[in-house]
Amino acid sequence: MSVREALRAATAEIHEALHGAEPFARIAEGHMDRAGYAALLRFLFSYHAGMEAACIAGAVRLGAPELGRAQQRRLSALRADLAVCGSVAPAVAAPAPQAGDFAVGCFYTVLGSTLGGKVIFRQLDALLPGSDGRRFFQGAADDALHWQLLCAALESRGDVAALEAGARHGFERFAALLCGTQRELFPA
């Protein structure tokens, strides 16, 4: 089994559960309004900003600093999308630093989200007719190349347990933040 397959298997359950999370289901069904979308962007900024240090550490560990710069560009896209929606990026407390293969596992989770983002980008056509306000989901032309680079680099990592722990951490942090922001995303 490849390292990538091991990571996919270790995170399959939580990954699948998050695919059906309410904000993404609302977008897919065309039931997301602009206020809810702005709240979703603030949530996503909180998550990605909180994972930035781990992503950069993971990219450095892999010898691919350009992957860390790609994550920084995603945060810039989120800030721009928030501005289009009349909102600002929330303040995010710096989490404890992550390093080693654990950080690489975290980065695997975060970078993998770029692929799903492209599906969400298309689902937002009714809410936002142009690219403005959804550049984060649109991603960049080199996203697939970055993913391939990460996946190839994973195979040279030796500590699969640390990689799996980092990948699960990335998904669990996302799920915990999502659970904590449900009221803002969907007020009663």
N, C-alpha and C. Protein backbone atom coordinates (compact mmCIF):
# COMPACT_ATOMS: atom_id res chain seq x y z
N MET A 1 0.86 -1.18 0.00
CA MET A 1 0.00 0.00 0.00
C MET A 1 0.90 1.24 0.00
N SER A 2 0.57 2.20 -0.86
CA SER A 2 1.35 3.43 -0.91
C SER A 2 1.03 4.28 0.33
N VAL A 3 1.89 5.25 0.59
CA VAL A 3 1.66 6.16 1.71
C VAL A 3 0.36 6.93 1.48
N ARG A 4 0.15 7.38 0.25
CA ARG A 4 -1.08 8.12 -0.05
C ARG A 4 -2.31 7.26 0.22
N GLU A 5 -2.27 6.01 -0.18
CA GLU A 5 -3.40 5.11 0.09
C GLU A 5 -3.60 4.91 1.58
N ALA A 6 -2.51 4.83 2.33
CA ALA A 6 -2.61 4.69 3.79
C ALA A 6 -3.27 5.92 4.40
N LEU A 7 -2.90 7.10 3.93
CA LEU A 7 -3.51 8.33 4.45
C LEU A 7 -4.99 8.40 4.07
N ARG A 8 -5.30 8.02 2.86
CA ARG A 8 -6.70 8.04 2.42
C ARG A 8 -7.52 7.09 3.30
N ALA A 9 -6.99 5.90 3.57
CA ALA A 9 -7.71 4.92 4.39
C ALA A 9 -7.86 5.42 5.83
N ALA A 10 -6.82 6.04 6.37
CA ALA A 10 -6.84 6.50 7.75
C ALA A 10 -7.83 7.65 7.97
N THR A 11 -8.15 8.38 6.90
CA THR A 11 -9.02 9.55 7.05
C THR A 11 -10.35 9.40 6.32
N ALA A 12 -10.61 8.24 5.75
CA ALA A 12 -11.79 8.06 4.90
C ALA A 12 -13.10 8.40 5.61
N GLU A 13 -13.26 7.93 6.82
CA GLU A 13 -14.53 8.12 7.52
C GLU A 13 -14.83 9.59 7.78
N ILE A 14 -13.87 10.31 8.34
CA ILE A 14 -14.12 11.73 8.64
C ILE A 14 -14.18 12.54 7.36
N HIS A 15 -13.39 12.18 6.38
CA HIS A 15 -13.42 12.88 5.10
C HIS A 15 -14.80 12.78 4.46
N GLU A 16 -15.34 11.60 4.40
CA GLU A 16 -16.68 11.41 3.82
C GLU A 16 -17.76 12.14 4.61
N ALA A 17 -17.65 12.12 5.92
CA ALA A 17 -18.63 12.81 6.76
C ALA A 17 -18.63 14.32 6.46
N LEU A 18 -17.44 14.88 6.23
CA LEU A 18 -17.36 16.32 5.98
C LEU A 18 -17.89 16.69 4.60
N HIS A 19 -17.87 15.77 3.66
CA HIS A 19 -18.44 16.05 2.33
C HIS A 19 -19.92 16.40 2.44
N GLY A 20 -20.60 15.82 3.40
CA GLY A 20 -22.03 16.09 3.56
C GLY A 20 -22.33 17.18 4.56
N ALA A 21 -21.32 17.91 5.03
CA ALA A 21 -21.54 18.97 6.02
C ALA A 21 -22.52 20.01 5.47
N GLU A 22 -23.31 20.56 6.37
CA GLU A 22 -24.42 21.42 5.98
C GLU A 22 -24.04 22.58 5.06
N PRO A 23 -22.96 23.33 5.33
CA PRO A 23 -22.72 24.46 4.42
C PRO A 23 -22.45 24.01 2.98
N PHE A 24 -21.77 22.90 2.83
CA PHE A 24 -21.45 22.42 1.48
C PHE A 24 -22.68 21.80 0.82
N ALA A 25 -23.54 21.18 1.62
CA ALA A 25 -24.79 20.67 1.09
C ALA A 25 -25.68 21.82 0.63
N ARG A 26 -25.71 22.90 1.39
CA ARG A 26 -26.53 24.05 1.00
C ARG A 26 -26.03 24.66 -0.31
N ILE A 27 -24.71 24.73 -0.46
CA ILE A 27 -24.17 25.25 -1.72
C ILE A 27 -24.57 24.33 -2.87
N ALA A 28 -24.38 23.03 -2.69
CA ALA A 28 -24.69 22.06 -3.75
C ALA A 28 -26.17 22.11 -4.15
N GLU A 29 -27.04 22.37 -3.17
CA GLU A 29 -28.48 22.41 -3.43
C GLU A 29 -28.97 23.78 -3.88
N GLY A 30 -28.07 24.77 -3.90
CA GLY A 30 -28.45 26.13 -4.29
C GLY A 30 -29.21 26.87 -3.22
N HIS A 31 -29.04 26.49 -1.95
CA HIS A 31 -29.77 27.12 -0.84
C HIS A 31 -28.89 28.01 0.03
N MET A 32 -27.70 28.35 -0.41
CA MET A 32 -26.82 29.21 0.37
C MET A 32 -27.10 30.66 0.00
N ASP A 33 -27.31 31.51 1.01
CA ASP A 33 -27.48 32.93 0.75
C ASP A 33 -26.14 33.65 0.97
N ARG A 34 -26.09 34.93 0.64
CA ARG A 34 -24.82 35.67 0.72
C ARG A 34 -24.32 35.81 2.16
N ALA A 35 -25.22 35.98 3.11
CA ALA A 35 -24.80 36.11 4.51
C ALA A 35 -24.19 34.79 4.99
N GLY A 36 -24.83 33.69 4.66
CA GLY A 36 -24.29 32.38 5.03
C GLY A 36 -22.97 32.11 4.34
N TYR A 37 -22.85 32.55 3.09
CA TYR A 37 -21.61 32.36 2.36
C TYR A 37 -20.47 33.16 3.00
N ALA A 38 -20.75 34.40 3.39
CA ALA A 38 -19.73 35.21 4.06
C ALA A 38 -19.30 34.55 5.37
N ALA A 39 -20.26 34.00 6.10
CA ALA A 39 -19.93 33.29 7.34
C ALA A 39 -19.07 32.06 7.05
N LEU A 40 -19.40 31.34 5.97
CA LEU A 40 -18.59 30.19 5.58
C LEU A 40 -17.16 30.61 5.24
N LEU A 41 -17.01 31.71 4.53
CA LEU A 41 -15.66 32.20 4.20
C LEU A 41 -14.88 32.57 5.46
N ARG A 42 -15.54 33.18 6.43
CA ARG A 42 -14.85 33.51 7.69
C ARG A 42 -14.41 32.23 8.40
N PHE A 43 -15.28 31.23 8.41
CA PHE A 43 -14.92 29.94 8.99
C PHE A 43 -13.71 29.34 8.26
N LEU A 44 -13.76 29.34 6.94
CA LEU A 44 -12.66 28.76 6.16
C LEU A 44 -11.36 29.52 6.39
N PHE A 45 -11.46 30.84 6.53
CA PHE A 45 -10.25 31.60 6.82
C PHE A 45 -9.69 31.20 8.17
N SER A 46 -10.55 31.06 9.17
CA SER A 46 -10.08 30.65 10.50
C SER A 46 -9.35 29.31 10.42
N TYR A 47 -9.92 28.38 9.70
CA TYR A 47 -9.29 27.07 9.57
C TYR A 47 -7.95 27.17 8.85
N HIS A 48 -7.95 27.77 7.68
CA HIS A 48 -6.73 27.79 6.87
C HIS A 48 -5.63 28.64 7.50
N ALA A 49 -5.99 29.74 8.13
CA ALA A 49 -4.97 30.55 8.81
C ALA A 49 -4.40 29.78 10.00
N GLY A 50 -5.25 29.04 10.68
CA GLY A 50 -4.78 28.23 11.81
C GLY A 50 -3.90 27.07 11.38
N MET A 51 -4.04 26.63 10.14
CA MET A 51 -3.24 25.52 9.63
C MET A 51 -2.02 25.99 8.83
N GLU A 52 -1.89 27.30 8.63
CA GLU A 52 -0.82 27.82 7.78
C GLU A 52 0.57 27.41 8.24
N ALA A 53 0.86 27.54 9.52
CA ALA A 53 2.20 27.20 10.01
C ALA A 53 2.52 25.72 9.77
N ALA A 54 1.55 24.85 10.00
CA ALA A 54 1.76 23.42 9.76
C ALA A 54 1.98 23.16 8.27
N CYS A 55 1.23 23.87 7.43
CA CYS A 55 1.39 23.68 5.98
C CYS A 55 2.78 24.11 5.52
N ILE A 56 3.23 25.25 6.01
CA ILE A 56 4.55 25.73 5.62
C ILE A 56 5.62 24.78 6.14
N ALA A 57 5.47 24.34 7.38
CA ALA A 57 6.44 23.37 7.95
C ALA A 57 6.43 22.07 7.16
N GLY A 58 5.25 21.62 6.75
CA GLY A 58 5.15 20.40 5.95
C GLY A 58 5.80 20.57 4.60
N ALA A 59 5.59 21.71 3.96
CA ALA A 59 6.20 21.97 2.66
C ALA A 59 7.72 22.01 2.76
N VAL A 60 8.23 22.63 3.82
CA VAL A 60 9.68 22.67 4.04
C VAL A 60 10.21 21.26 4.27
N ARG A 61 9.51 20.49 5.09
CA ARG A 61 9.93 19.11 5.37
C ARG A 61 10.01 18.29 4.08
N LEU A 62 9.13 18.56 3.14
CA LEU A 62 9.12 17.85 1.86
C LEU A 62 10.13 18.42 0.86
N GLY A 63 10.77 19.53 1.23
CA GLY A 63 11.70 20.17 0.30
C GLY A 63 10.98 20.85 -0.85
N ALA A 64 9.75 21.29 -0.61
CA ALA A 64 8.93 21.91 -1.65
C ALA A 64 8.31 23.21 -1.12
N PRO A 65 9.13 24.23 -0.87
CA PRO A 65 8.59 25.47 -0.28
C PRO A 65 7.53 26.14 -1.15
N GLU A 66 7.52 25.84 -2.46
CA GLU A 66 6.49 26.44 -3.33
C GLU A 66 5.10 25.98 -2.92
N LEU A 67 5.00 24.81 -2.31
CA LEU A 67 3.70 24.35 -1.83
C LEU A 67 3.22 25.20 -0.66
N GLY A 68 4.14 25.64 0.18
CA GLY A 68 3.78 26.53 1.28
C GLY A 68 3.32 27.88 0.77
N ARG A 69 3.98 28.37 -0.28
CA ARG A 69 3.56 29.64 -0.88
C ARG A 69 2.17 29.52 -1.49
N ALA A 70 1.84 28.35 -2.02
CA ALA A 70 0.50 28.13 -2.58
C ALA A 70 -0.55 28.28 -1.48
N GLN A 71 -0.27 27.78 -0.29
CA GLN A 71 -1.20 27.91 0.82
C GLN A 71 -1.36 29.38 1.20
N GLN A 72 -0.29 30.14 1.17
CA GLN A 72 -0.38 31.57 1.47
C GLN A 72 -1.24 32.29 0.43
N ARG A 73 -1.15 31.88 -0.83
CA ARG A 73 -1.99 32.47 -1.88
C ARG A 73 -3.47 32.14 -1.63
N ARG A 74 -3.75 30.96 -1.11
CA ARG A 74 -5.14 30.60 -0.81
C ARG A 74 -5.70 31.51 0.28
N LEU A 75 -4.88 31.84 1.27
CA LEU A 75 -5.34 32.77 2.32
C LEU A 75 -5.60 34.15 1.73
N SER A 76 -4.76 34.59 0.81
CA SER A 76 -4.98 35.88 0.14
C SER A 76 -6.28 35.86 -0.64
N ALA A 77 -6.57 34.74 -1.30
CA ALA A 77 -7.82 34.62 -2.05
C ALA A 77 -9.02 34.67 -1.10
N LEU A 78 -8.89 34.05 0.06
CA LEU A 78 -9.99 34.11 1.05
C LEU A 78 -10.21 35.55 1.52
N ARG A 79 -9.13 36.28 1.77
CA ARG A 79 -9.28 37.69 2.18
C ARG A 79 -10.00 38.48 1.10
N ALA A 80 -9.62 38.27 -0.16
CA ALA A 80 -10.26 38.99 -1.27
C ALA A 80 -11.73 38.61 -1.39
N ASP A 81 -12.05 37.34 -1.24
CA ASP A 81 -13.44 36.90 -1.31
C ASP A 81 -14.26 37.51 -0.18
N LEU A 82 -13.67 37.56 1.00
CA LEU A 82 -14.36 38.18 2.13
C LEU A 82 -14.66 39.64 1.85
N ALA A 83 -13.70 40.35 1.25
CA ALA A 83 -13.90 41.76 0.94
C ALA A 83 -15.06 41.95 -0.05
N VAL A 84 -15.14 41.07 -1.06
CA VAL A 84 -16.25 41.13 -2.03
C VAL A 84 -17.57 40.96 -1.31
N CYS A 85 -17.59 40.14 -0.27
CA CYS A 85 -18.82 39.88 0.49
C CYS A 85 -19.05 40.90 1.60
N GLY A 86 -18.21 41.95 1.64
CA GLY A 86 -18.38 43.00 2.65
C GLY A 86 -17.98 42.56 4.04
N SER A 87 -17.06 41.63 4.13
CA SER A 87 -16.62 41.09 5.41
C SER A 87 -15.10 41.16 5.49
N VAL A 88 -14.58 40.89 6.66
CA VAL A 88 -13.13 40.88 6.85
C VAL A 88 -12.71 39.55 7.47
N ALA A 89 -11.46 39.26 7.28
CA ALA A 89 -10.90 38.03 7.85
C ALA A 89 -10.87 38.14 9.37
N PRO A 90 -11.31 37.11 10.07
CA PRO A 90 -11.28 37.14 11.53
C PRO A 90 -9.86 37.00 12.05
N ALA A 91 -9.66 37.46 13.26
CA ALA A 91 -8.37 37.25 13.92
C ALA A 91 -8.27 35.78 14.29
N VAL A 92 -7.11 35.22 14.11
CA VAL A 92 -6.90 33.80 14.39
C VAL A 92 -5.71 33.67 15.33
N ALA A 93 -5.93 33.00 16.45
CA ALA A 93 -4.84 32.76 17.39
C ALA A 93 -3.86 31.77 16.76
N ALA A 94 -2.59 32.03 16.97
CA ALA A 94 -1.56 31.13 16.44
C ALA A 94 -1.59 29.82 17.21
N PRO A 95 -1.79 28.71 16.50
CA PRO A 95 -1.79 27.41 17.18
C PRO A 95 -0.38 26.97 17.53
N ALA A 96 -0.29 25.94 18.33
CA ALA A 96 1.02 25.38 18.66
C ALA A 96 1.69 24.93 17.37
N PRO A 97 2.99 25.18 17.23
CA PRO A 97 3.66 24.78 16.00
C PRO A 97 3.68 23.27 15.80
N GLN A 98 3.57 22.87 14.56
CA GLN A 98 3.64 21.46 14.19
C GLN A 98 4.88 21.28 13.33
N ALA A 99 5.48 20.13 13.41
CA ALA A 99 6.71 19.91 12.64
C ALA A 99 6.77 18.46 12.17
N GLY A 100 7.79 18.17 11.40
CA GLY A 100 8.06 16.81 10.97
C GLY A 100 6.97 16.24 10.09
N ASP A 101 6.88 14.93 10.10
CA ASP A 101 5.90 14.25 9.25
C ASP A 101 4.47 14.51 9.71
N PHE A 102 4.27 14.87 10.97
CA PHE A 102 2.93 15.26 11.42
C PHE A 102 2.47 16.48 10.63
N ALA A 103 3.35 17.47 10.45
CA ALA A 103 3.01 18.67 9.67
C ALA A 103 2.74 18.30 8.21
N VAL A 104 3.50 17.36 7.68
CA VAL A 104 3.27 16.90 6.31
C VAL A 104 1.87 16.29 6.20
N GLY A 105 1.47 15.51 7.19
CA GLY A 105 0.12 14.93 7.19
C GLY A 105 -0.95 16.00 7.25
N CYS A 106 -0.74 17.03 8.07
CA CYS A 106 -1.68 18.16 8.12
C CYS A 106 -1.79 18.79 6.73
N PHE A 107 -0.65 18.99 6.11
CA PHE A 107 -0.62 19.64 4.80
C PHE A 107 -1.32 18.80 3.74
N TYR A 108 -1.20 17.50 3.85
CA TYR A 108 -1.90 16.60 2.93
C TYR A 108 -3.41 16.89 2.96
N THR A 109 -3.96 17.05 4.14
CA THR A 109 -5.39 17.31 4.29
C THR A 109 -5.76 18.67 3.71
N VAL A 110 -4.98 19.69 4.06
CA VAL A 110 -5.30 21.05 3.63
C VAL A 110 -5.15 21.19 2.12
N LEU A 111 -4.05 20.71 1.57
CA LEU A 111 -3.83 20.84 0.13
C LEU A 111 -4.85 20.03 -0.66
N GLY A 112 -5.25 18.91 -0.14
CA GLY A 112 -6.26 18.10 -0.82
C GLY A 112 -7.58 18.82 -1.00
N SER A 113 -7.86 19.78 -0.12
CA SER A 113 -9.12 20.50 -0.21
C SER A 113 -9.21 21.38 -1.46
N THR A 114 -8.07 21.66 -2.10
CA THR A 114 -8.12 22.48 -3.32
C THR A 114 -8.89 21.77 -4.42
N LEU A 115 -8.82 20.46 -4.44
CA LEU A 115 -9.49 19.70 -5.50
C LEU A 115 -11.01 19.76 -5.34
N GLY A 116 -11.48 19.58 -4.11
CA GLY A 116 -12.91 19.70 -3.85
C GLY A 116 -13.42 21.11 -4.03
N GLY A 117 -12.54 22.08 -3.78
CA GLY A 117 -12.92 23.48 -3.95
C GLY A 117 -13.35 23.80 -5.37
N LYS A 118 -12.75 23.15 -6.32
CA LYS A 118 -13.09 23.41 -7.73
C LYS A 118 -14.53 22.97 -8.03
N VAL A 119 -14.99 21.93 -7.37
CA VAL A 119 -16.39 21.50 -7.52
C VAL A 119 -17.30 22.56 -6.90
N ILE A 120 -16.95 23.02 -5.72
CA ILE A 120 -17.76 24.04 -5.04
C ILE A 120 -17.80 25.32 -5.86
N PHE A 121 -16.68 25.69 -6.49
CA PHE A 121 -16.63 26.89 -7.34
C PHE A 121 -17.76 26.85 -8.37
N ARG A 122 -17.92 25.73 -9.03
CA ARG A 122 -18.97 25.60 -10.06
C ARG A 122 -20.36 25.64 -9.42
N GLN A 123 -20.50 25.10 -8.23
CA GLN A 123 -21.80 25.08 -7.57
C GLN A 123 -22.25 26.47 -7.11
N LEU A 124 -21.34 27.42 -7.07
CA LEU A 124 -21.65 28.77 -6.62
C LEU A 124 -22.12 29.68 -7.76
N ASP A 125 -22.29 29.15 -8.96
CA ASP A 125 -22.68 29.97 -10.11
C ASP A 125 -23.93 30.80 -9.84
N ALA A 126 -24.94 30.22 -9.21
CA ALA A 126 -26.19 30.94 -8.99
C ALA A 126 -26.02 32.05 -7.95
N LEU A 127 -25.18 31.85 -6.97
CA LEU A 127 -24.99 32.84 -5.91
C LEU A 127 -24.07 33.97 -6.35
N LEU A 128 -23.00 33.63 -7.04
CA LEU A 128 -22.01 34.61 -7.48
C LEU A 128 -21.71 34.36 -8.96
N PRO A 129 -22.28 35.18 -9.84
CA PRO A 129 -22.17 34.89 -11.26
C PRO A 129 -20.75 34.99 -11.84
N GLY A 130 -19.89 35.78 -11.26
CA GLY A 130 -18.51 35.88 -11.75
C GLY A 130 -17.55 35.18 -10.80
N SER A 131 -16.27 35.38 -11.05
CA SER A 131 -15.26 34.77 -10.18
C SER A 131 -15.09 35.54 -8.87
N ASP A 132 -15.44 36.83 -8.90
CA ASP A 132 -15.27 37.63 -7.68
C ASP A 132 -16.09 37.04 -6.54
N GLY A 133 -15.44 36.89 -5.41
CA GLY A 133 -16.09 36.35 -4.23
C GLY A 133 -15.93 34.85 -4.08
N ARG A 134 -15.34 34.20 -5.09
CA ARG A 134 -15.16 32.76 -4.97
C ARG A 134 -13.82 32.29 -5.56
N ARG A 135 -12.85 33.18 -5.50
CA ARG A 135 -11.52 32.84 -6.02
C ARG A 135 -10.84 31.75 -5.19
N PHE A 136 -11.14 31.71 -3.89
CA PHE A 136 -10.58 30.66 -3.05
C PHE A 136 -10.96 29.29 -3.59
N PHE A 137 -12.23 29.13 -3.93
CA PHE A 137 -12.70 27.84 -4.45
C PHE A 137 -12.21 27.60 -5.88
N GLN A 138 -12.05 28.66 -6.64
CA GLN A 138 -11.56 28.51 -8.01
C GLN A 138 -10.15 27.93 -8.02
N GLY A 139 -9.36 28.35 -7.05
CA GLY A 139 -7.99 27.85 -6.97
C GLY A 139 -7.12 28.43 -8.05
N ALA A 140 -6.02 27.74 -8.31
CA ALA A 140 -5.03 28.20 -9.27
C ALA A 140 -4.81 27.13 -10.33
N ALA A 141 -4.24 27.55 -11.42
CA ALA A 141 -3.99 26.62 -12.52
C ALA A 141 -3.04 25.50 -12.14
N ASP A 142 -2.17 25.75 -11.19
CA ASP A 142 -1.16 24.75 -10.82
C ASP A 142 -1.57 23.88 -9.62
N ASP A 143 -2.83 23.93 -9.22
CA ASP A 143 -3.28 23.12 -8.08
C ASP A 143 -3.07 21.63 -8.30
N ALA A 144 -3.42 21.14 -9.47
CA ALA A 144 -3.24 19.70 -9.75
C ALA A 144 -1.77 19.33 -9.73
N LEU A 145 -0.93 20.19 -10.26
CA LEU A 145 0.52 19.93 -10.24
C LEU A 145 1.03 19.90 -8.80
N HIS A 146 0.56 20.83 -7.96
CA HIS A 146 0.97 20.85 -6.55
C HIS A 146 0.53 19.56 -5.85
N TRP A 147 -0.68 19.11 -6.13
CA TRP A 147 -1.17 17.88 -5.52
C TRP A 147 -0.31 16.69 -5.93
N GLN A 148 0.02 16.62 -7.21
CA GLN A 148 0.87 15.53 -7.70
C GLN A 148 2.25 15.57 -7.05
N LEU A 149 2.78 16.77 -6.89
CA LEU A 149 4.08 16.94 -6.24
C LEU A 149 4.03 16.45 -4.79
N LEU A 150 2.99 16.85 -4.08
CA LEU A 150 2.82 16.40 -2.70
C LEU A 150 2.70 14.89 -2.62
N CYS A 151 1.85 14.32 -3.46
CA CYS A 151 1.63 12.87 -3.42
C CYS A 151 2.91 12.10 -3.73
N ALA A 152 3.69 12.58 -4.68
CA ALA A 152 4.96 11.91 -4.99
C ALA A 152 5.93 12.03 -3.82
N ALA A 153 5.96 13.19 -3.19
CA ALA A 153 6.88 13.40 -2.06
C ALA A 153 6.47 12.59 -0.84
N LEU A 154 5.19 12.31 -0.69
CA LEU A 154 4.73 11.51 0.45
C LEU A 154 5.39 10.13 0.48
N GLU A 155 5.63 9.58 -0.69
CA GLU A 155 6.15 8.21 -0.77
C GLU A 155 7.56 8.09 -0.19
N SER A 156 8.25 9.20 -0.02
CA SER A 156 9.60 9.14 0.57
C SER A 156 9.59 9.34 2.08
N ARG A 157 8.41 9.54 2.65
CA ARG A 157 8.30 9.75 4.10
C ARG A 157 8.30 8.40 4.80
N GLY A 158 8.99 8.32 5.91
CA GLY A 158 9.10 7.05 6.62
C GLY A 158 8.16 6.86 7.77
N ASP A 159 7.71 7.95 8.40
CA ASP A 159 6.91 7.84 9.60
C ASP A 159 5.42 7.92 9.24
N VAL A 160 4.89 6.82 8.74
CA VAL A 160 3.49 6.80 8.28
C VAL A 160 2.53 7.08 9.43
N ALA A 161 2.86 6.63 10.63
CA ALA A 161 1.98 6.90 11.78
C ALA A 161 1.87 8.39 12.05
N ALA A 162 2.98 9.12 11.96
CA ALA A 162 2.95 10.57 12.17
C ALA A 162 2.19 11.25 11.04
N LEU A 163 2.37 10.78 9.81
CA LEU A 163 1.62 11.33 8.68
C LEU A 163 0.12 11.14 8.88
N GLU A 164 -0.27 9.93 9.28
CA GLU A 164 -1.68 9.65 9.51
C GLU A 164 -2.24 10.50 10.64
N ALA A 165 -1.47 10.66 11.71
CA ALA A 165 -1.92 11.48 12.84
C ALA A 165 -2.11 12.93 12.39
N GLY A 166 -1.19 13.44 11.59
CA GLY A 166 -1.31 14.81 11.08
C GLY A 166 -2.50 14.98 10.17
N ALA A 167 -2.72 14.02 9.27
CA ALA A 167 -3.86 14.09 8.36
C ALA A 167 -5.18 14.05 9.13
N ARG A 168 -5.26 13.15 10.11
CA ARG A 168 -6.49 13.09 10.93
C ARG A 168 -6.68 14.40 11.70
N HIS A 169 -5.58 14.96 12.21
CA HIS A 169 -5.65 16.23 12.94
C HIS A 169 -6.24 17.32 12.03
N GLY A 170 -5.78 17.36 10.78
CA GLY A 170 -6.30 18.36 9.85
C GLY A 170 -7.81 18.25 9.67
N PHE A 171 -8.29 17.03 9.48
CA PHE A 171 -9.73 16.81 9.33
C PHE A 171 -10.48 17.07 10.63
N GLU A 172 -9.94 16.61 11.76
CA GLU A 172 -10.61 16.79 13.05
C GLU A 172 -10.69 18.25 13.43
N ARG A 173 -9.64 19.01 13.14
CA ARG A 173 -9.67 20.45 13.44
C ARG A 173 -10.75 21.12 12.60
N PHE A 174 -10.85 20.75 11.34
CA PHE A 174 -11.88 21.31 10.47
C PHE A 174 -13.27 20.99 11.04
N ALA A 175 -13.49 19.74 11.40
CA ALA A 175 -14.79 19.33 11.93
C ALA A 175 -15.11 20.05 13.23
N ALA A 176 -14.13 20.21 14.11
CA ALA A 176 -14.36 20.89 15.39
C ALA A 176 -14.69 22.36 15.18
N LEU A 177 -13.96 23.02 14.29
CA LEU A 177 -14.26 24.43 14.01
C LEU A 177 -15.63 24.58 13.37
N LEU A 178 -15.96 23.68 12.48
CA LEU A 178 -17.26 23.72 11.82
C LEU A 178 -18.38 23.57 12.84
N CYS A 179 -18.22 22.63 13.73
CA CYS A 179 -19.22 22.40 14.78
C CYS A 179 -19.36 23.65 15.65
N GLY A 180 -18.25 24.30 15.95
CA GLY A 180 -18.27 25.49 16.80
C GLY A 180 -18.84 26.72 16.14
N THR A 181 -18.96 26.73 14.81
CA THR A 181 -19.48 27.91 14.12
C THR A 181 -20.85 27.69 13.49
N GLN A 182 -21.51 26.60 13.81
CA GLN A 182 -22.80 26.30 13.20
C GLN A 182 -23.83 27.42 13.43
N ARG A 183 -23.83 28.04 14.61
CA ARG A 183 -24.81 29.10 14.88
C ARG A 183 -24.60 30.30 13.96
N GLU A 184 -23.33 30.67 13.76
CA GLU A 184 -23.05 31.80 12.87
C GLU A 184 -23.40 31.45 11.43
N LEU A 185 -23.09 30.23 11.02
CA LEU A 185 -23.36 29.82 9.65
C LEU A 185 -24.86 29.71 9.39
N PHE A 186 -25.58 29.22 10.37
CA PHE A 186 -27.02 28.96 10.18
C PHE A 186 -27.81 29.41 11.40
N PRO A 187 -28.02 30.71 11.54
CA PRO A 187 -28.79 31.18 12.70
C PRO A 187 -30.22 30.65 12.65
N ALA A 188 -30.76 30.43 13.81
CA ALA A 188 -32.12 29.85 13.91
C ALA A 188 -33.17 30.82 13.43
